[in-house]
Amino acid sequence: MKLKLTNRRIFWLKVAIHLAALVPLIWAFYQGFIDQLGGDPVKELLHFTGISAFNLLLISLLVSPLAKRFRIAALIRVRRLIGLYAFVYALTHFLSYILFELQLAWQLVISEIIKRPYITVGFIAFVILLLLTMTSTTWAQRKLGKTWQTLHNFVYIAAILIAFHYIWSVKSDILQPLIYWALLLLLLFFRKQKFIQLIKKCKKTLA
């Protein structure tokens, strides 16, 4: 089965991605502003931005297998956009935690990152996504050469760290985090060669 995505369809697909990513984010903050996020608005906002970042990251990892399965090479052209929105939500999640949960207490921010394992792994994942976003341009790809692909394979490490961050942050019902783990492992299975190569390179570097 082969589907064709014309430039026009890619354009409208990107428009749909922009709307699907931005409208819920704006609406969530608006709901918080008018005090309609429930009894613990900070918790709701953190959960929404965090889980949305994870959802978008998983969708970005799904793009390549879908493009190969249905032979839609043009679909790859929206992968970077989805990945960038994953970072936008991750950034919003991190800033919301600093602004609303810790009230800009920077010493407490550093202490939380160091002392709480689930925040430590979440912060490392955020830094990885930041690096990937900063090097997502065509110019950076040309400048870094072969190193660019190795660096961007770290998205798999980021996804695993986010999965740990999620399941460690849940105090009771871990069914949903486990479902996310299953989805992530399935996606990693589809990209197992790149993931294995990344692990081997990391081991060689640390040796």
N, C-alpha and C. Protein backbone atom coordinates (compact mmCIF):
# COMPACT_ATOMS: atom_id res chain seq x y z
N MET A 1 0.85 -1.20 0.00
CA MET A 1 0.00 0.00 0.00
C MET A 1 0.88 1.25 0.00
N LYS A 2 0.60 2.17 -0.93
CA LYS A 2 1.40 3.38 -1.01
C LYS A 2 0.49 4.60 -1.07
N LEU A 3 0.69 5.51 -0.15
CA LEU A 3 -0.05 6.75 -0.12
C LEU A 3 0.87 7.89 -0.53
N LYS A 4 0.28 8.92 -1.10
CA LYS A 4 1.09 10.04 -1.57
C LYS A 4 0.71 11.31 -0.84
N LEU A 5 1.72 11.99 -0.33
CA LEU A 5 1.51 13.28 0.32
C LEU A 5 2.12 14.36 -0.57
N THR A 6 1.27 15.18 -1.16
CA THR A 6 1.74 16.28 -1.99
C THR A 6 2.22 17.42 -1.09
N ASN A 7 2.89 18.40 -1.68
CA ASN A 7 3.34 19.56 -0.91
C ASN A 7 2.16 20.28 -0.26
N ARG A 8 1.05 20.34 -0.96
CA ARG A 8 -0.15 20.99 -0.43
C ARG A 8 -0.67 20.24 0.80
N ARG A 9 -0.69 18.92 0.71
CA ARG A 9 -1.16 18.12 1.84
C ARG A 9 -0.21 18.21 3.03
N ILE A 10 1.09 18.26 2.74
CA ILE A 10 2.08 18.45 3.81
C ILE A 10 1.86 19.78 4.50
N PHE A 11 1.59 20.82 3.72
CA PHE A 11 1.34 22.15 4.28
C PHE A 11 0.17 22.11 5.26
N TRP A 12 -0.95 21.52 4.83
CA TRP A 12 -2.13 21.48 5.68
C TRP A 12 -1.94 20.53 6.87
N LEU A 13 -1.13 19.51 6.68
CA LEU A 13 -0.81 18.62 7.80
C LEU A 13 -0.02 19.38 8.86
N LYS A 14 0.90 20.23 8.42
CA LYS A 14 1.68 21.04 9.35
C LYS A 14 0.79 22.05 10.07
N VAL A 15 -0.15 22.63 9.33
CA VAL A 15 -1.10 23.56 9.95
C VAL A 15 -1.89 22.84 11.04
N ALA A 16 -2.33 21.62 10.73
CA ALA A 16 -3.09 20.83 11.70
C ALA A 16 -2.25 20.51 12.93
N ILE A 17 -0.96 20.23 12.73
CA ILE A 17 -0.06 19.93 13.85
C ILE A 17 0.10 21.17 14.73
N HIS A 18 0.29 22.34 14.10
CA HIS A 18 0.41 23.59 14.86
C HIS A 18 -0.83 23.81 15.72
N LEU A 19 -2.00 23.65 15.13
CA LEU A 19 -3.25 23.87 15.86
C LEU A 19 -3.44 22.85 16.96
N ALA A 20 -3.16 21.58 16.65
CA ALA A 20 -3.34 20.51 17.63
C ALA A 20 -2.40 20.66 18.81
N ALA A 21 -1.23 21.26 18.59
CA ALA A 21 -0.25 21.44 19.67
C ALA A 21 -0.49 22.73 20.45
N LEU A 22 -0.79 23.82 19.76
CA LEU A 22 -0.87 25.12 20.41
C LEU A 22 -2.21 25.38 21.12
N VAL A 23 -3.30 24.99 20.48
CA VAL A 23 -4.62 25.29 21.05
C VAL A 23 -4.80 24.66 22.44
N PRO A 24 -4.50 23.36 22.63
CA PRO A 24 -4.65 22.78 23.98
C PRO A 24 -3.75 23.44 25.02
N LEU A 25 -2.55 23.84 24.61
CA LEU A 25 -1.62 24.47 25.55
C LEU A 25 -2.16 25.83 25.99
N ILE A 26 -2.61 26.63 25.04
CA ILE A 26 -3.18 27.94 25.35
C ILE A 26 -4.43 27.78 26.21
N TRP A 27 -5.26 26.80 25.85
CA TRP A 27 -6.50 26.57 26.60
C TRP A 27 -6.21 26.15 28.04
N ALA A 28 -5.20 25.32 28.24
CA ALA A 28 -4.85 24.86 29.59
C ALA A 28 -4.45 26.04 30.46
N PHE A 29 -3.63 26.94 29.92
CA PHE A 29 -3.20 28.10 30.71
C PHE A 29 -4.37 29.07 30.94
N TYR A 30 -5.24 29.17 29.96
CA TYR A 30 -6.43 30.01 30.13
C TYR A 30 -7.32 29.45 31.24
N GLN A 31 -7.51 28.12 31.24
CA GLN A 31 -8.28 27.47 32.29
C GLN A 31 -7.66 27.71 33.66
N GLY A 32 -6.33 27.68 33.72
CA GLY A 32 -5.64 27.97 34.97
C GLY A 32 -5.84 29.41 35.39
N PHE A 33 -5.81 30.32 34.42
CA PHE A 33 -5.97 31.76 34.70
C PHE A 33 -7.34 32.07 35.28
N ILE A 34 -8.38 31.38 34.80
CA ILE A 34 -9.73 31.63 35.31
C ILE A 34 -10.11 30.64 36.43
N ASP A 35 -9.09 29.93 36.94
CA ASP A 35 -9.27 29.03 38.07
C ASP A 35 -10.26 27.89 37.77
N GLN A 36 -10.07 27.25 36.62
CA GLN A 36 -10.93 26.14 36.23
C GLN A 36 -10.16 24.84 36.05
N LEU A 37 -9.02 24.70 36.72
CA LEU A 37 -8.22 23.49 36.59
C LEU A 37 -8.35 22.56 37.81
N GLY A 38 -9.41 22.76 38.57
CA GLY A 38 -9.64 21.88 39.71
C GLY A 38 -9.01 22.38 41.00
N GLY A 39 -9.00 21.51 42.00
CA GLY A 39 -8.51 21.89 43.32
C GLY A 39 -7.02 22.10 43.40
N ASP A 40 -6.26 21.46 42.51
CA ASP A 40 -4.81 21.61 42.49
C ASP A 40 -4.36 21.95 41.06
N PRO A 41 -4.53 23.23 40.68
CA PRO A 41 -4.24 23.63 39.30
C PRO A 41 -2.79 23.42 38.88
N VAL A 42 -1.86 23.59 39.81
CA VAL A 42 -0.45 23.40 39.49
C VAL A 42 -0.18 21.95 39.10
N LYS A 43 -0.73 21.03 39.89
CA LYS A 43 -0.58 19.60 39.61
C LYS A 43 -1.18 19.25 38.25
N GLU A 44 -2.38 19.79 37.97
CA GLU A 44 -3.04 19.52 36.69
C GLU A 44 -2.22 20.06 35.52
N LEU A 45 -1.68 21.25 35.68
CA LEU A 45 -0.89 21.86 34.61
C LEU A 45 0.40 21.08 34.38
N LEU A 46 1.05 20.68 35.45
CA LEU A 46 2.28 19.90 35.33
C LEU A 46 2.01 18.55 34.66
N HIS A 47 0.92 17.91 35.04
CA HIS A 47 0.59 16.62 34.43
C HIS A 47 0.27 16.79 32.95
N PHE A 48 -0.52 17.80 32.62
CA PHE A 48 -0.91 18.02 31.22
C PHE A 48 0.30 18.31 30.34
N THR A 49 1.17 19.22 30.77
CA THR A 49 2.33 19.58 29.94
C THR A 49 3.32 18.43 29.86
N GLY A 50 3.50 17.70 30.97
CA GLY A 50 4.44 16.58 30.97
C GLY A 50 3.98 15.43 30.09
N ILE A 51 2.71 15.03 30.25
CA ILE A 51 2.20 13.90 29.47
C ILE A 51 2.08 14.27 28.00
N SER A 52 1.79 15.54 27.71
CA SER A 52 1.71 15.98 26.32
C SER A 52 3.08 15.96 25.66
N ALA A 53 4.11 16.35 26.40
CA ALA A 53 5.47 16.29 25.88
C ALA A 53 5.84 14.85 25.54
N PHE A 54 5.48 13.93 26.42
CA PHE A 54 5.77 12.50 26.19
C PHE A 54 4.97 11.98 24.99
N ASN A 55 3.69 12.36 24.90
CA ASN A 55 2.87 11.94 23.77
C ASN A 55 3.48 12.39 22.44
N LEU A 56 3.87 13.64 22.38
CA LEU A 56 4.43 14.19 21.15
C LEU A 56 5.76 13.53 20.80
N LEU A 57 6.56 13.24 21.83
CA LEU A 57 7.83 12.57 21.57
C LEU A 57 7.60 11.17 21.01
N LEU A 58 6.64 10.46 21.57
CA LEU A 58 6.32 9.12 21.06
C LEU A 58 5.78 9.18 19.63
N ILE A 59 4.96 10.19 19.36
CA ILE A 59 4.43 10.35 17.99
C ILE A 59 5.57 10.63 17.01
N SER A 60 6.54 11.45 17.44
CA SER A 60 7.68 11.75 16.57
C SER A 60 8.49 10.49 16.28
N LEU A 61 8.57 9.59 17.27
CA LEU A 61 9.28 8.32 17.06
C LEU A 61 8.47 7.36 16.18
N LEU A 62 7.17 7.58 16.12
CA LEU A 62 6.31 6.72 15.32
C LEU A 62 6.33 7.10 13.83
N VAL A 63 6.74 8.32 13.54
CA VAL A 63 6.67 8.82 12.16
C VAL A 63 7.46 7.95 11.18
N SER A 64 8.72 7.65 11.53
CA SER A 64 9.57 6.87 10.61
C SER A 64 9.02 5.48 10.33
N PRO A 65 8.61 4.70 11.37
CA PRO A 65 8.00 3.39 11.08
C PRO A 65 6.76 3.48 10.20
N LEU A 66 5.93 4.51 10.42
CA LEU A 66 4.75 4.69 9.60
C LEU A 66 5.12 5.02 8.15
N ALA A 67 6.12 5.90 8.01
CA ALA A 67 6.56 6.29 6.67
C ALA A 67 7.08 5.08 5.89
N LYS A 68 7.81 4.20 6.59
CA LYS A 68 8.33 3.00 5.94
C LYS A 68 7.23 1.99 5.65
N ARG A 69 6.33 1.81 6.62
CA ARG A 69 5.26 0.81 6.46
C ARG A 69 4.34 1.14 5.29
N PHE A 70 3.97 2.41 5.18
CA PHE A 70 3.03 2.82 4.14
C PHE A 70 3.72 3.49 2.94
N ARG A 71 5.06 3.49 2.98
CA ARG A 71 5.87 4.05 1.89
C ARG A 71 5.48 5.50 1.58
N ILE A 72 5.47 6.31 2.64
CA ILE A 72 5.17 7.75 2.51
C ILE A 72 6.41 8.52 2.95
N ALA A 73 7.38 8.62 2.10
CA ALA A 73 8.64 9.28 2.46
C ALA A 73 8.42 10.73 2.89
N ALA A 74 7.44 11.39 2.30
CA ALA A 74 7.18 12.81 2.61
C ALA A 74 6.74 13.02 4.05
N LEU A 75 6.25 11.96 4.69
CA LEU A 75 5.79 12.07 6.07
C LEU A 75 6.93 12.47 7.02
N ILE A 76 8.15 12.13 6.64
CA ILE A 76 9.32 12.48 7.45
C ILE A 76 9.44 13.98 7.62
N ARG A 77 8.86 14.74 6.70
CA ARG A 77 8.98 16.20 6.74
C ARG A 77 8.24 16.84 7.91
N VAL A 78 7.36 16.09 8.57
CA VAL A 78 6.65 16.65 9.72
C VAL A 78 7.24 16.17 11.05
N ARG A 79 8.21 15.26 10.97
CA ARG A 79 8.77 14.68 12.20
C ARG A 79 9.47 15.74 13.05
N ARG A 80 10.24 16.61 12.42
CA ARG A 80 10.95 17.64 13.18
C ARG A 80 9.97 18.58 13.88
N LEU A 81 8.90 18.94 13.18
CA LEU A 81 7.90 19.85 13.77
C LEU A 81 7.28 19.23 15.02
N ILE A 82 6.94 17.95 14.95
CA ILE A 82 6.36 17.27 16.11
C ILE A 82 7.38 17.21 17.25
N GLY A 83 8.64 16.93 16.90
CA GLY A 83 9.70 16.90 17.91
C GLY A 83 9.89 18.25 18.57
N LEU A 84 9.79 19.32 17.80
CA LEU A 84 9.94 20.67 18.36
C LEU A 84 8.82 20.98 19.34
N TYR A 85 7.62 20.54 19.01
CA TYR A 85 6.50 20.77 19.94
C TYR A 85 6.64 19.91 21.19
N ALA A 86 7.25 18.74 21.05
CA ALA A 86 7.54 17.94 22.25
C ALA A 86 8.44 18.74 23.19
N PHE A 87 9.43 19.43 22.62
CA PHE A 87 10.32 20.26 23.44
C PHE A 87 9.56 21.45 24.03
N VAL A 88 8.68 22.07 23.25
CA VAL A 88 7.90 23.21 23.75
C VAL A 88 7.11 22.80 24.99
N TYR A 89 6.48 21.65 24.93
CA TYR A 89 5.72 21.17 26.09
C TYR A 89 6.64 20.81 27.25
N ALA A 90 7.80 20.21 26.94
CA ALA A 90 8.76 19.88 28.00
C ALA A 90 9.28 21.16 28.67
N LEU A 91 9.54 22.18 27.87
CA LEU A 91 10.00 23.46 28.41
C LEU A 91 8.92 24.09 29.28
N THR A 92 7.68 24.04 28.81
CA THR A 92 6.56 24.59 29.58
C THR A 92 6.38 23.82 30.89
N HIS A 93 6.57 22.51 30.82
CA HIS A 93 6.49 21.66 32.02
C HIS A 93 7.55 22.07 33.04
N PHE A 94 8.78 22.24 32.56
CA PHE A 94 9.90 22.60 33.44
C PHE A 94 9.71 24.00 34.03
N LEU A 95 9.32 24.95 33.18
CA LEU A 95 9.13 26.33 33.66
C LEU A 95 7.95 26.42 34.62
N SER A 96 6.90 25.66 34.36
CA SER A 96 5.74 25.65 35.26
C SER A 96 6.12 25.13 36.64
N TYR A 97 6.98 24.12 36.65
CA TYR A 97 7.46 23.55 37.91
C TYR A 97 8.27 24.59 38.69
N ILE A 98 9.14 25.30 37.98
CA ILE A 98 9.97 26.32 38.64
C ILE A 98 9.12 27.50 39.12
N LEU A 99 8.20 27.96 38.26
CA LEU A 99 7.42 29.16 38.57
C LEU A 99 6.33 28.91 39.61
N PHE A 100 5.55 27.86 39.40
CA PHE A 100 4.35 27.65 40.22
C PHE A 100 4.56 26.72 41.41
N GLU A 101 5.41 25.71 41.24
CA GLU A 101 5.63 24.75 42.32
C GLU A 101 6.71 25.24 43.28
N LEU A 102 7.83 25.72 42.73
CA LEU A 102 8.96 26.13 43.57
C LEU A 102 9.07 27.64 43.75
N GLN A 103 8.19 28.39 43.10
CA GLN A 103 8.13 29.85 43.27
C GLN A 103 9.48 30.53 43.03
N LEU A 104 10.20 30.08 42.01
CA LEU A 104 11.49 30.67 41.62
C LEU A 104 12.55 30.60 42.72
N ALA A 105 12.42 29.63 43.61
CA ALA A 105 13.44 29.43 44.65
C ALA A 105 14.58 28.62 44.03
N TRP A 106 15.58 29.30 43.49
CA TRP A 106 16.60 28.64 42.68
C TRP A 106 17.45 27.63 43.45
N GLN A 107 17.73 27.92 44.71
CA GLN A 107 18.46 26.95 45.53
C GLN A 107 17.65 25.67 45.69
N LEU A 108 16.34 25.82 45.83
CA LEU A 108 15.46 24.67 45.95
C LEU A 108 15.39 23.90 44.63
N VAL A 109 15.43 24.64 43.52
CA VAL A 109 15.42 24.00 42.19
C VAL A 109 16.61 23.07 42.05
N ILE A 110 17.79 23.59 42.38
CA ILE A 110 19.02 22.80 42.29
C ILE A 110 18.98 21.62 43.25
N SER A 111 18.47 21.87 44.46
CA SER A 111 18.38 20.80 45.46
C SER A 111 17.44 19.69 44.99
N GLU A 112 16.31 20.06 44.40
CA GLU A 112 15.34 19.07 43.93
C GLU A 112 15.93 18.23 42.80
N ILE A 113 16.65 18.88 41.89
CA ILE A 113 17.25 18.15 40.77
C ILE A 113 18.28 17.14 41.26
N ILE A 114 19.03 17.52 42.29
CA ILE A 114 20.08 16.64 42.81
C ILE A 114 19.52 15.52 43.69
N LYS A 115 18.55 15.83 44.53
CA LYS A 115 18.11 14.90 45.57
C LYS A 115 16.99 13.95 45.14
N ARG A 116 16.18 14.37 44.17
CA ARG A 116 15.04 13.54 43.78
C ARG A 116 15.31 12.84 42.46
N PRO A 117 15.47 11.52 42.47
CA PRO A 117 15.84 10.79 41.25
C PRO A 117 14.90 11.03 40.08
N TYR A 118 13.58 11.10 40.34
CA TYR A 118 12.65 11.27 39.22
C TYR A 118 12.79 12.65 38.58
N ILE A 119 13.18 13.64 39.38
CA ILE A 119 13.43 14.97 38.83
C ILE A 119 14.79 15.00 38.13
N THR A 120 15.75 14.28 38.68
CA THR A 120 17.09 14.20 38.05
C THR A 120 16.99 13.65 36.63
N VAL A 121 16.30 12.51 36.46
CA VAL A 121 16.20 11.91 35.13
C VAL A 121 15.36 12.78 34.20
N GLY A 122 14.34 13.44 34.76
CA GLY A 122 13.52 14.34 33.96
C GLY A 122 14.33 15.52 33.46
N PHE A 123 15.19 16.05 34.33
CA PHE A 123 16.02 17.19 33.94
C PHE A 123 17.04 16.78 32.87
N ILE A 124 17.64 15.60 33.02
CA ILE A 124 18.59 15.12 32.01
C ILE A 124 17.89 14.96 30.66
N ALA A 125 16.67 14.41 30.68
CA ALA A 125 15.90 14.27 29.45
C ALA A 125 15.61 15.63 28.83
N PHE A 126 15.29 16.61 29.67
CA PHE A 126 15.03 17.97 29.18
C PHE A 126 16.27 18.56 28.52
N VAL A 127 17.43 18.36 29.12
CA VAL A 127 18.68 18.87 28.54
C VAL A 127 18.95 18.22 27.18
N ILE A 128 18.69 16.92 27.09
CA ILE A 128 18.87 16.22 25.81
C ILE A 128 17.95 16.82 24.75
N LEU A 129 16.68 17.01 25.11
CA LEU A 129 15.72 17.59 24.16
C LEU A 129 16.12 19.01 23.77
N LEU A 130 16.69 19.75 24.71
CA LEU A 130 17.18 21.10 24.42
C LEU A 130 18.29 21.05 23.38
N LEU A 131 19.24 20.14 23.56
CA LEU A 131 20.35 20.00 22.61
C LEU A 131 19.84 19.58 21.23
N LEU A 132 18.88 18.68 21.20
CA LEU A 132 18.32 18.22 19.94
C LEU A 132 17.59 19.36 19.23
N THR A 133 16.89 20.17 20.00
CA THR A 133 16.17 21.31 19.42
C THR A 133 17.15 22.35 18.86
N MET A 134 18.21 22.62 19.61
CA MET A 134 19.20 23.61 19.18
C MET A 134 19.95 23.16 17.93
N THR A 135 20.03 21.86 17.69
CA THR A 135 20.76 21.34 16.54
C THR A 135 19.81 20.75 15.49
N SER A 136 18.55 21.18 15.52
CA SER A 136 17.56 20.61 14.60
C SER A 136 17.56 21.27 13.22
N THR A 137 18.32 22.34 13.06
CA THR A 137 18.33 23.07 11.79
C THR A 137 19.18 22.35 10.74
N THR A 138 18.91 22.67 9.48
CA THR A 138 19.70 22.11 8.38
C THR A 138 21.15 22.55 8.48
N TRP A 139 21.37 23.79 8.93
CA TRP A 139 22.73 24.31 9.09
C TRP A 139 23.50 23.47 10.11
N ALA A 140 22.86 23.17 11.24
CA ALA A 140 23.52 22.36 12.27
C ALA A 140 23.81 20.95 11.76
N GLN A 141 22.90 20.41 10.98
CA GLN A 141 23.10 19.08 10.42
C GLN A 141 24.31 19.04 9.51
N ARG A 142 24.47 20.06 8.68
CA ARG A 142 25.65 20.13 7.79
C ARG A 142 26.92 20.35 8.59
N LYS A 143 26.84 21.19 9.61
CA LYS A 143 28.01 21.54 10.41
C LYS A 143 28.52 20.35 11.22
N LEU A 144 27.60 19.56 11.78
CA LEU A 144 27.99 18.45 12.64
C LEU A 144 28.33 17.18 11.86
N GLY A 145 27.85 17.09 10.63
CA GLY A 145 28.16 15.92 9.81
C GLY A 145 27.63 14.63 10.41
N LYS A 146 28.49 13.60 10.47
CA LYS A 146 28.07 12.30 10.99
C LYS A 146 27.71 12.37 12.48
N THR A 147 28.30 13.31 13.19
CA THR A 147 28.02 13.45 14.62
C THR A 147 26.56 13.81 14.86
N TRP A 148 25.95 14.50 13.89
CA TRP A 148 24.56 14.94 14.04
C TRP A 148 23.63 13.76 14.26
N GLN A 149 23.77 12.72 13.46
CA GLN A 149 22.89 11.56 13.59
C GLN A 149 23.08 10.86 14.93
N THR A 150 24.34 10.74 15.36
CA THR A 150 24.61 10.13 16.67
C THR A 150 23.95 10.93 17.79
N LEU A 151 24.10 12.26 17.70
CA LEU A 151 23.49 13.13 18.71
C LEU A 151 21.98 12.97 18.74
N HIS A 152 21.37 12.95 17.57
CA HIS A 152 19.91 12.90 17.51
C HIS A 152 19.36 11.51 17.83
N ASN A 153 20.21 10.51 17.83
CA ASN A 153 19.78 9.20 18.30
C ASN A 153 19.58 9.19 19.82
N PHE A 154 20.09 10.23 20.48
CA PHE A 154 19.90 10.35 21.93
C PHE A 154 18.44 10.61 22.29
N VAL A 155 17.60 10.83 21.28
CA VAL A 155 16.17 10.97 21.53
C VAL A 155 15.62 9.71 22.19
N TYR A 156 16.22 8.55 21.88
CA TYR A 156 15.78 7.30 22.49
C TYR A 156 16.11 7.28 23.98
N ILE A 157 17.29 7.79 24.33
CA ILE A 157 17.69 7.90 25.74
C ILE A 157 16.75 8.85 26.47
N ALA A 158 16.45 9.97 25.83
CA ALA A 158 15.53 10.95 26.42
C ALA A 158 14.17 10.33 26.69
N ALA A 159 13.68 9.55 25.73
CA ALA A 159 12.37 8.92 25.88
C ALA A 159 12.37 7.94 27.05
N ILE A 160 13.44 7.17 27.19
CA ILE A 160 13.54 6.22 28.30
C ILE A 160 13.59 6.96 29.64
N LEU A 161 14.35 8.03 29.70
CA LEU A 161 14.44 8.82 30.93
C LEU A 161 13.09 9.44 31.29
N ILE A 162 12.36 9.89 30.27
CA ILE A 162 11.03 10.46 30.52
C ILE A 162 10.09 9.39 31.06
N ALA A 163 10.21 8.18 30.52
CA ALA A 163 9.38 7.08 31.01
C ALA A 163 9.68 6.79 32.48
N PHE A 164 10.96 6.82 32.86
CA PHE A 164 11.33 6.65 34.27
C PHE A 164 10.80 7.81 35.11
N HIS A 165 10.95 9.02 34.59
CA HIS A 165 10.46 10.21 35.28
C HIS A 165 8.96 10.09 35.57
N TYR A 166 8.23 9.60 34.60
CA TYR A 166 6.78 9.47 34.73
C TYR A 166 6.40 8.42 35.78
N ILE A 167 6.97 7.24 35.65
CA ILE A 167 6.55 6.15 36.55
C ILE A 167 7.03 6.39 37.98
N TRP A 168 8.18 7.07 38.15
CA TRP A 168 8.66 7.37 39.50
C TRP A 168 7.87 8.50 40.16
N SER A 169 7.25 9.35 39.33
CA SER A 169 6.51 10.48 39.89
C SER A 169 5.09 10.10 40.32
N VAL A 170 4.64 8.92 39.88
CA VAL A 170 3.30 8.46 40.23
C VAL A 170 3.32 7.76 41.59
N LYS A 171 2.44 8.18 42.47
CA LYS A 171 2.46 7.65 43.84
C LYS A 171 1.57 6.41 44.02
N SER A 172 0.54 6.24 43.18
CA SER A 172 -0.36 5.11 43.40
C SER A 172 -0.60 4.31 42.12
N ASP A 173 -1.49 4.77 41.27
CA ASP A 173 -1.89 4.03 40.07
C ASP A 173 -0.81 4.12 39.00
N ILE A 174 -0.13 2.99 38.76
CA ILE A 174 0.96 3.00 37.77
C ILE A 174 0.54 2.34 36.46
N LEU A 175 -0.77 2.08 36.28
CA LEU A 175 -1.23 1.43 35.05
C LEU A 175 -0.89 2.27 33.82
N GLN A 176 -1.21 3.57 33.87
CA GLN A 176 -0.96 4.42 32.71
C GLN A 176 0.53 4.53 32.39
N PRO A 177 1.41 4.76 33.39
CA PRO A 177 2.84 4.76 33.09
C PRO A 177 3.33 3.46 32.47
N LEU A 178 2.78 2.33 32.92
CA LEU A 178 3.16 1.04 32.37
C LEU A 178 2.72 0.91 30.90
N ILE A 179 1.56 1.46 30.59
CA ILE A 179 1.11 1.46 29.20
C ILE A 179 2.06 2.27 28.33
N TYR A 180 2.50 3.41 28.86
CA TYR A 180 3.46 4.23 28.13
C TYR A 180 4.79 3.51 27.94
N TRP A 181 5.20 2.77 28.97
CA TRP A 181 6.42 1.97 28.85
C TRP A 181 6.28 0.94 27.73
N ALA A 182 5.13 0.29 27.66
CA ALA A 182 4.89 -0.73 26.63
C ALA A 182 4.95 -0.10 25.24
N LEU A 183 4.32 1.07 25.08
CA LEU A 183 4.35 1.77 23.79
C LEU A 183 5.77 2.17 23.41
N LEU A 184 6.53 2.67 24.40
CA LEU A 184 7.90 3.07 24.13
C LEU A 184 8.76 1.89 23.72
N LEU A 185 8.64 0.78 24.43
CA LEU A 185 9.43 -0.41 24.10
C LEU A 185 9.08 -0.94 22.71
N LEU A 186 7.81 -0.82 22.33
CA LEU A 186 7.40 -1.23 20.98
C LEU A 186 8.05 -0.35 19.93
N LEU A 187 8.07 0.95 20.18
CA LEU A 187 8.70 1.89 19.24
C LEU A 187 10.21 1.67 19.17
N LEU A 188 10.82 1.39 20.31
CA LEU A 188 12.26 1.11 20.32
C LEU A 188 12.57 -0.18 19.57
N PHE A 189 11.66 -1.13 19.62
CA PHE A 189 11.85 -2.37 18.87
C PHE A 189 11.91 -2.08 17.37
N PHE A 190 11.06 -1.17 16.90
CA PHE A 190 11.07 -0.81 15.48
C PHE A 190 12.37 -0.11 15.08
N ARG A 191 13.01 0.56 16.06
CA ARG A 191 14.25 1.29 15.78
C ARG A 191 15.43 0.65 16.49
N LYS A 192 15.36 -0.66 16.71
CA LYS A 192 16.34 -1.33 17.56
C LYS A 192 17.77 -1.22 17.04
N GLN A 193 17.96 -1.21 15.73
CA GLN A 193 19.32 -1.13 15.18
C GLN A 193 19.99 0.19 15.56
N LYS A 194 19.27 1.29 15.40
CA LYS A 194 19.84 2.59 15.77
C LYS A 194 20.07 2.68 17.27
N PHE A 195 19.14 2.12 18.05
CA PHE A 195 19.27 2.16 19.50
C PHE A 195 20.48 1.35 19.95
N ILE A 196 20.66 0.16 19.36
CA ILE A 196 21.81 -0.69 19.70
C ILE A 196 23.11 -0.01 19.32
N GLN A 197 23.14 0.62 18.14
CA GLN A 197 24.35 1.34 17.71
C GLN A 197 24.69 2.47 18.67
N LEU A 198 23.66 3.17 19.15
CA LEU A 198 23.88 4.27 20.09
C LEU A 198 24.48 3.74 21.39
N ILE A 199 23.93 2.63 21.90
CA ILE A 199 24.44 2.03 23.15
C ILE A 199 25.90 1.62 22.98
N LYS A 200 26.24 1.02 21.83
CA LYS A 200 27.61 0.59 21.57
C LYS A 200 28.56 1.79 21.54
N LYS A 201 28.14 2.88 20.90
CA LYS A 201 28.96 4.08 20.83
C LYS A 201 29.16 4.69 22.21
N CYS A 202 28.10 4.67 23.02
CA CYS A 202 28.22 5.20 24.38
C CYS A 202 29.19 4.37 25.21
N LYS A 203 29.13 3.04 25.07
CA LYS A 203 30.03 2.16 25.80
C LYS A 203 31.47 2.39 25.36
N LYS A 204 31.68 2.57 24.05
CA LYS A 204 33.01 2.81 23.53
C LYS A 204 33.58 4.13 24.04
N THR A 205 32.71 5.13 24.13
CA THR A 205 33.14 6.44 24.62
C THR A 205 33.54 6.40 26.08
N LEU A 206 32.75 5.64 26.88
CA LEU A 206 33.01 5.55 28.31
C LEU A 206 34.14 4.59 28.67
N ALA A 207 34.50 3.71 27.74
CA ALA A 207 35.55 2.71 28.00
C ALA A 207 36.93 3.35 28.11
